[in-house]
Amino acid sequence: MVRDEQLVFFLGIPGSGWAKIDSLLRCCSNFKFSMSDYNEDRCMKHEGRYYVEHKGHFIGPGMTYGEKFDDIPENYTKEEFIQECIRPYEDINDNDNYMIKCHWFCEEHNIRWLFKHFPNNKYICVLRDRDLCDDRWLTSMTFNKDYPRYTAWMVKDDPDESAGVGNHCKENEDNFKEINHRHNVQLRAFVRRTKNSVIISPTRFTLGKMGFVWDKNGEFEYTAYIRNYCVDYSIYTRSPSWDTAIAFINCEDEIGYGI
């Protein structure tokens, strides 16, 4: 049975770049993250790009696991919730930590339930301007064709998606934006009222303090992140500017920063 503190809750809205940040953090040895949720069926790569957009598990309605995570207090006991969280992982042991990533954790009632039942767990929150998130997701993803599935954001079948990424009917776009707006507000409110949070950007320096492994895979993931979310894009820039920040809660030892 996994211990409570082995679960690390990962929060972010679609389009925030949280999947790329997840890939970066999996390279950070301080967190001791399990990689046993990775397999060939859980990945998405756009044609013509050398990096993988999404890999590993996603949890939430329509995403195979956590089908009722839109309302955790109503649908799960604490024990049932833990078991659902670890289902995507093939190797459960006493040593690893388990990244649990779900957009629907951003719902106010879910955030409060999580922090009530797991007050000392690590929380990682990805913060990015909501308009940038909307544009990023709506121009690069589909609701029901790519991995993972975002059918929970749909209000109707979307024949426009047959034309590929970036093609959506207005009703689904509007509903997506409404949910993203609500989750963005509630996520930021959570970060503001949490006293022991540290907000940083994923620079080489900050990643290095987290024990980032700069091997071939680490360099690959970092370069992919820069190409997507660095404002003054250059893989050689020494002082990059980012449009994304990460709030770490209860992670002082792992990130190398005190409160």
C-alpha atoms as a PDB file:
ATOM      1  CA  MET A   1       0.000   0.000   0.000  1.00  0.00           C
ATOM      2  CA  VAL A   2       1.414   3.355  -1.003  1.00  0.00           C
ATOM      3  CA  ARG A   3       1.917   5.921   1.762  1.00  0.00           C
ATOM      4  CA  ASP A   4       0.032   9.220   1.576  1.00  0.00           C
ATOM      5  CA  GLU A   5       3.193  11.281   1.254  1.00  0.00           C
ATOM      6  CA  GLN A   6       4.304   9.379  -1.856  1.00  0.00           C
ATOM      7  CA  LEU A   7       1.563  11.061  -3.891  1.00  0.00           C
ATOM      8  CA  VAL A   8       2.572  14.376  -5.485  1.00  0.00           C
ATOM      9  CA  PHE A   9      -0.417  16.319  -6.807  1.00  0.00           C
ATOM     10  CA  PHE A  10       0.173  18.136 -10.090  1.00  0.00           C
ATOM     11  CA  LEU A  11      -2.262  20.930 -11.026  1.00  0.00           C
ATOM     12  CA  GLY A  12      -2.537  22.985 -14.199  1.00  0.00           C
ATOM     13  CA  ILE A  13      -5.023  23.990 -16.866  1.00  0.00           C
ATOM     14  CA  PRO A  14      -4.889  22.739 -20.475  1.00  0.00           C
ATOM     15  CA  GLY A  15      -2.438  24.732 -22.576  1.00  0.00           C
ATOM     16  CA  SER A  16      -0.260  25.697 -19.607  1.00  0.00           C
ATOM     17  CA  GLY A  17       2.608  23.476 -20.695  1.00  0.00           C
ATOM     18  CA  TRP A  18       2.186  21.271 -17.655  1.00  0.00           C
ATOM     19  CA  ALA A  19       2.911  18.099 -19.676  1.00  0.00           C
ATOM     20  CA  LYS A  20       6.338  19.450 -20.663  1.00  0.00           C
ATOM     21  CA  ILE A  21       6.994  20.546 -17.078  1.00  0.00           C
ATOM     22  CA  ASP A  22       6.032  17.061 -15.914  1.00  0.00           C
ATOM     23  CA  SER A  23       8.652  15.671 -18.310  1.00  0.00           C
ATOM     24  CA  LEU A  24      11.251  18.086 -16.883  1.00  0.00           C
ATOM     25  CA  LEU A  25      10.448  17.227 -13.276  1.00  0.00           C
ATOM     26  CA  ARG A  26      10.688  13.489 -13.994  1.00  0.00           C
ATOM     27  CA  CYS A  27      14.364  14.202 -14.764  1.00  0.00           C
ATOM     28  CA  CYS A  28      14.901  15.726 -11.303  1.00  0.00           C
ATOM     29  CA  SER A  29      16.402  13.109  -9.005  1.00  0.00           C
ATOM     30  CA  ASN A  30      15.414  14.966  -5.823  1.00  0.00           C
ATOM     31  CA  PHE A  31      11.755  14.084  -6.417  1.00  0.00           C
ATOM     32  CA  LYS A  32      12.371  10.355  -6.962  1.00  0.00           C
ATOM     33  CA  PHE A  33       9.448  10.124  -9.380  1.00  0.00           C
ATOM     34  CA  SER A  34       8.337   6.757 -10.691  1.00  0.00           C
ATOM     35  CA  MET A  35       8.393   6.384 -14.477  1.00  0.00           C
ATOM     36  CA  SER A  36       6.332   3.190 -14.497  1.00  0.00           C
ATOM     37  CA  ASP A  37       3.299   4.968 -15.995  1.00  0.00           C
ATOM     38  CA  TYR A  38       5.191   5.440 -19.287  1.00  0.00           C
ATOM     39  CA  ASN A  39       4.363   3.169 -22.204  1.00  0.00           C
ATOM     40  CA  GLU A  40       3.877   3.415 -25.970  1.00  0.00           C
ATOM     41  CA  ASP A  41       0.111   3.766 -25.655  1.00  0.00           C
ATOM     42  CA  ARG A  42       0.400   6.858 -23.483  1.00  0.00           C
ATOM     43  CA  CYS A  43       2.078   9.368 -25.723  1.00  0.00           C
ATOM     44  CA  MET A  44       1.303  11.924 -28.405  1.00  0.00           C
ATOM     45  CA  LYS A  45       3.723  13.272 -30.977  1.00  0.00           C
ATOM     46  CA  HIS A  46       2.831  15.771 -33.680  1.00  0.00           C
ATOM     47  CA  GLU A  47       4.199  14.903 -37.096  1.00  0.00           C
ATOM     48  CA  GLY A  48       7.299  16.899 -37.930  1.00  0.00           C
ATOM     49  CA  ARG A  49       8.311  17.531 -34.305  1.00  0.00           C
ATOM     50  CA  TYR A  50      11.179  15.626 -32.791  1.00  0.00           C
ATOM     51  CA  TYR A  51       9.833  15.663 -29.234  1.00  0.00           C
ATOM     52  CA  VAL A  52       6.843  13.965 -27.612  1.00  0.00           C
ATOM     53  CA  GLU A  53       4.080  16.376 -26.564  1.00  0.00           C
ATOM     54  CA  HIS A  54       2.352  14.163 -24.012  1.00  0.00           C
ATOM     55  CA  LYS A  55       3.558  11.028 -22.298  1.00  0.00           C
ATOM     56  CA  GLY A  56       2.719   9.108 -19.198  1.00  0.00           C
ATOM     57  CA  HIS A  57      -0.666   9.012 -17.510  1.00  0.00           C
ATOM     58  CA  PHE A  58      -3.368  11.648 -17.339  1.00  0.00           C
ATOM     59  CA  ILE A  59      -6.212  11.312 -14.854  1.00  0.00           C
ATOM     60  CA  GLY A  60      -9.724  12.719 -15.113  1.00  0.00           C
ATOM     61  CA  PRO A  61     -13.076  12.264 -16.837  1.00  0.00           C
ATOM     62  CA  GLY A  62     -12.631  10.742 -20.299  1.00  0.00           C
ATOM     63  CA  MET A  63      -8.965   9.858 -19.655  1.00  0.00           C
ATOM     64  CA  THR A  64      -9.313   6.169 -18.651  1.00  0.00           C
ATOM     65  CA  TYR A  65      -8.457   6.807 -14.997  1.00  0.00           C
ATOM     66  CA  GLY A  66     -10.255   9.046 -12.503  1.00  0.00           C
ATOM     67  CA  GLU A  67     -13.508   9.077 -14.440  1.00  0.00           C
ATOM     68  CA  LYS A  68     -15.306  10.804 -11.551  1.00  0.00           C
ATOM     69  CA  PHE A  69     -12.491  13.128 -10.508  1.00  0.00           C
ATOM     70  CA  ASP A  70     -14.590  16.138 -11.472  1.00  0.00           C
ATOM     71  CA  ASP A  71     -16.166  15.754  -8.008  1.00  0.00           C
ATOM     72  CA  ILE A  72     -13.810  13.822  -5.735  1.00  0.00           C
ATOM     73  CA  PRO A  73     -15.609  14.499  -2.403  1.00  0.00           C
ATOM     74  CA  GLU A  74     -18.874  13.154  -3.805  1.00  0.00           C
ATOM     75  CA  ASN A  75     -17.491  10.065  -5.511  1.00  0.00           C
ATOM     76  CA  TYR A  76     -14.517   8.751  -3.502  1.00  0.00           C
ATOM     77  CA  THR A  77     -13.416   7.906  -0.016  1.00  0.00           C
ATOM     78  CA  LYS A  78      -9.798   8.745   0.741  1.00  0.00           C
ATOM     79  CA  GLU A  79      -8.773   5.103   0.311  1.00  0.00           C
ATOM     80  CA  GLU A  80     -10.665   4.744  -2.989  1.00  0.00           C
ATOM     81  CA  PHE A  81      -9.093   7.957  -4.245  1.00  0.00           C
ATOM     82  CA  ILE A  82      -5.569   6.746  -3.480  1.00  0.00           C
ATOM     83  CA  GLN A  83      -6.167   3.460  -5.257  1.00  0.00           C
ATOM     84  CA  GLU A  84      -7.476   5.247  -8.357  1.00  0.00           C
ATOM     85  CA  CYS A  85      -4.483   7.604  -8.355  1.00  0.00           C
ATOM     86  CA  ILE A  86      -1.919   4.819  -8.492  1.00  0.00           C
ATOM     87  CA  ARG A  87      -3.743   2.623 -11.030  1.00  0.00           C
ATOM     88  CA  PRO A  88      -1.736   3.966 -14.018  1.00  0.00           C
ATOM     89  CA  TYR A  89       1.538   2.878 -12.406  1.00  0.00           C
ATOM     90  CA  GLU A  90       2.872  -0.633 -12.949  1.00  0.00           C
ATOM     91  CA  ASP A  91       5.462  -0.552 -10.169  1.00  0.00           C
ATOM     92  CA  ILE A  92       4.246   0.400  -6.688  1.00  0.00           C
ATOM     93  CA  ASN A  93       6.966   0.418  -4.027  1.00  0.00           C
ATOM     94  CA  ASP A  94       8.024   2.178  -0.817  1.00  0.00           C
ATOM     95  CA  ASN A  95      10.785   4.257  -2.378  1.00  0.00           C
ATOM     96  CA  ASP A  96       9.321   6.127  -5.363  1.00  0.00           C
ATOM     97  CA  ASN A  97       7.030   9.129  -5.432  1.00  0.00           C
ATOM     98  CA  TYR A  98       4.085   9.190  -7.807  1.00  0.00           C
ATOM     99  CA  MET A  99       3.163  12.213  -9.902  1.00  0.00           C
ATOM    100  CA  ILE A 100      -0.648  12.445  -9.992  1.00  0.00           C
ATOM    101  CA  LYS A 101      -1.668  14.894 -12.717  1.00  0.00           C
ATOM    102  CA  CYS A 102      -5.261  15.934 -13.194  1.00  0.00           C
ATOM    103  CA  HIS A 103      -6.717  19.161 -14.583  1.00  0.00           C
ATOM    104  CA  TRP A 104      -9.825  18.641 -12.457  1.00  0.00           C
ATOM    105  CA  PHE A 105      -7.859  19.017  -9.243  1.00  0.00           C
ATOM    106  CA  CYS A 106      -8.254  22.741 -10.017  1.00  0.00           C
ATOM    107  CA  GLU A 107     -11.956  22.625  -9.091  1.00  0.00           C
ATOM    108  CA  GLU A 108     -12.450  24.517  -5.823  1.00  0.00           C
ATOM    109  CA  HIS A 109     -14.216  21.656  -4.034  1.00  0.00           C
ATOM    110  CA  ASN A 110     -11.502  19.226  -5.143  1.00  0.00           C
ATOM    111  CA  ILE A 111      -8.647  21.487  -4.028  1.00  0.00           C
ATOM    112  CA  ARG A 112     -10.170  21.924  -0.583  1.00  0.00           C
ATOM    113  CA  TRP A 113     -10.802  18.177  -0.246  1.00  0.00           C
ATOM    114  CA  LEU A 114      -7.244  17.365  -1.281  1.00  0.00           C
ATOM    115  CA  PHE A 115      -5.656  19.818   1.131  1.00  0.00           C
ATOM    116  CA  LYS A 116      -7.921  18.640   3.964  1.00  0.00           C
ATOM    117  CA  HIS A 117      -6.986  14.971   3.500  1.00  0.00           C
ATOM    118  CA  PHE A 118      -3.379  15.468   2.308  1.00  0.00           C
ATOM    119  CA  PRO A 119      -2.160  18.661   4.044  1.00  0.00           C
ATOM    120  CA  ASN A 120       1.512  17.675   4.075  1.00  0.00           C
ATOM    121  CA  ASN A 121       1.776  16.266   0.568  1.00  0.00           C
ATOM    122  CA  LYS A 122       3.708  17.960  -2.175  1.00  0.00           C
ATOM    123  CA  TYR A 123       1.681  20.083  -4.612  1.00  0.00           C
ATOM    124  CA  ILE A 124       3.042  21.420  -7.896  1.00  0.00           C
ATOM    125  CA  CYS A 125       0.963  24.075  -9.678  1.00  0.00           C
ATOM    126  CA  VAL A 126       1.684  25.359 -13.184  1.00  0.00           C
ATOM    127  CA  LEU A 127       0.744  29.015 -13.731  1.00  0.00           C
ATOM    128  CA  ARG A 128       0.437  30.577 -17.157  1.00  0.00           C
ATOM    129  CA  ASP A 129      -1.680  33.396 -18.588  1.00  0.00           C
ATOM    130  CA  ARG A 130      -5.078  31.915 -19.350  1.00  0.00           C
ATOM    131  CA  ASP A 131      -5.385  33.528 -22.801  1.00  0.00           C
ATOM    132  CA  LEU A 132      -2.050  31.973 -23.779  1.00  0.00           C
ATOM    133  CA  CYS A 133      -3.279  28.622 -22.484  1.00  0.00           C
ATOM    134  CA  ASP A 134      -6.497  28.828 -24.501  1.00  0.00           C
ATOM    135  CA  ASP A 135      -4.642  29.726 -27.675  1.00  0.00           C
ATOM    136  CA  ARG A 136      -1.990  27.057 -27.194  1.00  0.00           C
ATOM    137  CA  TRP A 137      -4.430  24.221 -26.596  1.00  0.00           C
ATOM    138  CA  LEU A 138      -7.067  25.188 -29.159  1.00  0.00           C
ATOM    139  CA  THR A 139      -4.497  25.515 -31.954  1.00  0.00           C
ATOM    140  CA  SER A 140      -2.546  22.336 -31.182  1.00  0.00           C
ATOM    141  CA  MET A 141      -4.974  19.759 -29.763  1.00  0.00           C
ATOM    142  CA  THR A 142      -8.242  17.959 -30.433  1.00  0.00           C
ATOM    143  CA  PHE A 143     -10.944  17.000 -27.951  1.00  0.00           C
ATOM    144  CA  ASN A 144     -11.428  13.412 -29.064  1.00  0.00           C
ATOM    145  CA  LYS A 145      -8.583  12.318 -31.373  1.00  0.00           C
ATOM    146  CA  ASP A 146      -5.229  12.858 -29.671  1.00  0.00           C
ATOM    147  CA  TYR A 147      -3.756  11.604 -26.399  1.00  0.00           C
ATOM    148  CA  PRO A 148      -5.113  12.295 -23.876  1.00  0.00           C
ATOM    149  CA  ARG A 149      -8.819  12.618 -24.622  1.00  0.00           C
ATOM    150  CA  TYR A 150     -10.495  15.884 -23.592  1.00  0.00           C
ATOM    151  CA  THR A 151     -14.076  14.751 -24.108  1.00  0.00           C
ATOM    152  CA  ALA A 152     -15.110  16.113 -20.692  1.00  0.00           C
ATOM    153  CA  TRP A 153     -14.662  19.633 -22.101  1.00  0.00           C
ATOM    154  CA  MET A 154     -17.055  18.927 -25.012  1.00  0.00           C
ATOM    155  CA  VAL A 155     -20.743  19.790 -25.093  1.00  0.00           C
ATOM    156  CA  LYS A 156     -21.414  18.163 -28.488  1.00  0.00           C
ATOM    157  CA  ASP A 157     -19.810  15.921 -31.087  1.00  0.00           C
ATOM    158  CA  ASP A 158     -17.323  17.931 -33.104  1.00  0.00           C
ATOM    159  CA  PRO A 159     -17.219  17.069 -36.824  1.00  0.00           C
ATOM    160  CA  ASP A 160     -14.788  19.940 -37.411  1.00  0.00           C
ATOM    161  CA  GLU A 161     -12.053  17.916 -35.695  1.00  0.00           C
ATOM    162  CA  SER A 162     -11.901  15.578 -38.673  1.00  0.00           C
ATOM    163  CA  ALA A 163      -9.761  18.283 -40.274  1.00  0.00           C
ATOM    164  CA  GLY A 164      -7.108  17.829 -37.565  1.00  0.00           C
ATOM    165  CA  VAL A 165      -5.702  19.877 -34.709  1.00  0.00           C
ATOM    166  CA  GLY A 166      -6.949  23.425 -34.261  1.00  0.00           C
ATOM    167  CA  ASN A 167     -10.386  22.747 -35.740  1.00  0.00           C
ATOM    168  CA  HIS A 168     -13.252  22.884 -33.260  1.00  0.00           C
ATOM    169  CA  CYS A 169     -16.899  23.884 -33.250  1.00  0.00           C
ATOM    170  CA  LYS A 170     -17.718  27.147 -31.440  1.00  0.00           C
ATOM    171  CA  GLU A 171     -19.785  25.482 -28.719  1.00  0.00           C
ATOM    172  CA  ASN A 172     -16.890  23.291 -27.611  1.00  0.00           C
ATOM    173  CA  GLU A 173     -14.402  26.147 -27.814  1.00  0.00           C
ATOM    174  CA  ASP A 174     -16.624  28.349 -25.649  1.00  0.00           C
ATOM    175  CA  ASN A 175     -17.121  25.598 -23.063  1.00  0.00           C
ATOM    176  CA  PHE A 176     -13.385  24.887 -23.013  1.00  0.00           C
ATOM    177  CA  LYS A 177     -12.636  28.566 -22.365  1.00  0.00           C
ATOM    178  CA  GLU A 178     -15.253  28.771 -19.604  1.00  0.00           C
ATOM    179  CA  ILE A 179     -13.817  25.758 -17.762  1.00  0.00           C
ATOM    180  CA  ASN A 180     -10.249  27.013 -18.251  1.00  0.00           C
ATOM    181  CA  HIS A 181     -11.231  30.408 -16.844  1.00  0.00           C
ATOM    182  CA  ARG A 182     -12.864  28.848 -13.777  1.00  0.00           C
ATOM    183  CA  HIS A 183      -9.984  26.478 -13.114  1.00  0.00           C
ATOM    184  CA  ASN A 184      -7.395  29.211 -13.610  1.00  0.00           C
ATOM    185  CA  VAL A 185      -9.083  31.471 -11.041  1.00  0.00           C
ATOM    186  CA  GLN A 186      -9.496  28.667  -8.510  1.00  0.00           C
ATOM    187  CA  LEU A 187      -5.948  27.375  -8.952  1.00  0.00           C
ATOM    188  CA  ARG A 188      -4.434  30.823  -8.434  1.00  0.00           C
ATOM    189  CA  ALA A 189      -6.621  31.395  -5.377  1.00  0.00           C
ATOM    190  CA  PHE A 190      -5.269  28.143  -3.909  1.00  0.00           C
ATOM    191  CA  VAL A 191      -1.669  29.211  -4.495  1.00  0.00           C
ATOM    192  CA  ARG A 192      -2.296  32.661  -2.974  1.00  0.00           C
ATOM    193  CA  ARG A 193      -3.810  31.323   0.237  1.00  0.00           C
ATOM    194  CA  THR A 194      -1.151  28.644   0.717  1.00  0.00           C
ATOM    195  CA  LYS A 195       1.565  30.045   2.958  1.00  0.00           C
ATOM    196  CA  ASN A 196       4.403  27.637   2.228  1.00  0.00           C
ATOM    197  CA  SER A 197       4.649  27.983  -1.546  1.00  0.00           C
ATOM    198  CA  VAL A 198       7.691  28.895  -3.629  1.00  0.00           C
ATOM    199  CA  ILE A 199       7.147  30.163  -7.183  1.00  0.00           C
ATOM    200  CA  ILE A 200      10.004  29.777  -9.646  1.00  0.00           C
ATOM    201  CA  SER A 201      10.675  29.292 -13.356  1.00  0.00           C
ATOM    202  CA  PRO A 202      12.344  26.184 -14.811  1.00  0.00           C
ATOM    203  CA  THR A 203      15.783  27.633 -15.575  1.00  0.00           C
ATOM    204  CA  ARG A 204      18.954  25.564 -15.723  1.00  0.00           C
ATOM    205  CA  PHE A 205      19.878  26.905 -12.297  1.00  0.00           C
ATOM    206  CA  THR A 206      16.602  26.042 -10.577  1.00  0.00           C
ATOM    207  CA  LEU A 207      16.393  22.632 -12.246  1.00  0.00           C
ATOM    208  CA  GLY A 208      19.974  21.965 -11.196  1.00  0.00           C
ATOM    209  CA  LYS A 209      19.031  22.588  -7.563  1.00  0.00           C
ATOM    210  CA  MET A 210      16.345  19.921  -7.964  1.00  0.00           C
ATOM    211  CA  GLY A 211      18.900  17.341  -9.068  1.00  0.00           C
ATOM    212  CA  PHE A 212      18.150  17.570 -12.788  1.00  0.00           C
ATOM    213  CA  VAL A 213      20.055  14.877 -14.662  1.00  0.00           C
ATOM    214  CA  TRP A 214      21.735  16.554 -17.648  1.00  0.00           C
ATOM    215  CA  ASP A 215      22.117  13.419 -19.721  1.00  0.00           C
ATOM    216  CA  LYS A 216      20.912  13.002 -23.297  1.00  0.00           C
ATOM    217  CA  ASN A 217      17.279  12.675 -22.203  1.00  0.00           C
ATOM    218  CA  GLY A 218      17.525  15.648 -19.843  1.00  0.00           C
ATOM    219  CA  GLU A 219      19.004  17.918 -22.518  1.00  0.00           C
ATOM    220  CA  PHE A 220      16.336  16.680 -24.929  1.00  0.00           C
ATOM    221  CA  GLU A 221      13.487  17.557 -22.557  1.00  0.00           C
ATOM    222  CA  TYR A 222      14.953  20.942 -21.638  1.00  0.00           C
ATOM    223  CA  THR A 223      15.449  21.907 -25.273  1.00  0.00           C
ATOM    224  CA  ALA A 224      11.857  20.877 -26.062  1.00  0.00           C
ATOM    225  CA  TYR A 225      10.600  23.065 -23.233  1.00  0.00           C
ATOM    226  CA  ILE A 226      12.621  26.087 -24.354  1.00  0.00           C
ATOM    227  CA  ARG A 227      11.311  25.731 -27.908  1.00  0.00           C
ATOM    228  CA  ASN A 228       7.742  25.916 -26.612  1.00  0.00           C
ATOM    229  CA  TYR A 229       7.693  28.256 -23.635  1.00  0.00           C
ATOM    230  CA  CYS A 230      10.780  30.469 -23.609  1.00  0.00           C
ATOM    231  CA  VAL A 231       9.830  34.049 -24.562  1.00  0.00           C
ATOM    232  CA  ASP A 232      13.277  34.980 -25.943  1.00  0.00           C
ATOM    233  CA  TYR A 233      13.802  31.629 -27.610  1.00  0.00           C
ATOM    234  CA  SER A 234      17.336  30.397 -28.017  1.00  0.00           C
ATOM    235  CA  ILE A 235      18.730  27.164 -26.692  1.00  0.00           C
ATOM    236  CA  TYR A 236      21.950  29.101 -25.978  1.00  0.00           C
ATOM    237  CA  THR A 237      20.445  31.981 -23.973  1.00  0.00           C
ATOM    238  CA  ARG A 238      21.986  32.304 -20.511  1.00  0.00           C
ATOM    239  CA  SER A 239      19.114  34.273 -18.937  1.00  0.00           C
ATOM    240  CA  PRO A 240      15.879  33.127 -20.585  1.00  0.00           C
ATOM    241  CA  SER A 241      12.510  34.732 -19.990  1.00  0.00           C
ATOM    242  CA  TRP A 242       9.519  32.470 -19.456  1.00  0.00           C
ATOM    243  CA  ASP A 243       5.779  32.885 -19.778  1.00  0.00           C
ATOM    244  CA  THR A 244       5.195  30.116 -17.232  1.00  0.00           C
ATOM    245  CA  ALA A 245       5.851  29.817 -13.500  1.00  0.00           C
ATOM    246  CA  ILE A 246       5.663  26.826 -11.175  1.00  0.00           C
ATOM    247  CA  ALA A 247       4.386  27.001  -7.592  1.00  0.00           C
ATOM    248  CA  PHE A 248       5.889  24.337  -5.341  1.00  0.00           C
ATOM    249  CA  ILE A 249       4.082  23.633  -2.067  1.00  0.00           C
ATOM    250  CA  ASN A 250       5.679  21.507   0.675  1.00  0.00           C
ATOM    251  CA  CYS A 251       8.664  20.902  -1.631  1.00  0.00           C
ATOM    252  CA  GLU A 252      11.430  22.802   0.174  1.00  0.00           C
ATOM    253  CA  ASP A 253      13.877  19.903   0.341  1.00  0.00           C
ATOM    254  CA  GLU A 254      13.333  18.855  -3.267  1.00  0.00           C
ATOM    255  CA  ILE A 255      13.675  22.306  -4.878  1.00  0.00           C
ATOM    256  CA  GLY A 256      16.526  23.519  -2.669  1.00  0.00           C
ATOM    257  CA  TYR A 257      14.726  26.654  -1.519  1.00  0.00           C
ATOM    258  CA  GLY A 258      13.480  27.503   1.976  1.00  0.00           C
ATOM    259  CA  ILE A 259      10.357  29.461   2.869  1.00  0.00           C
END
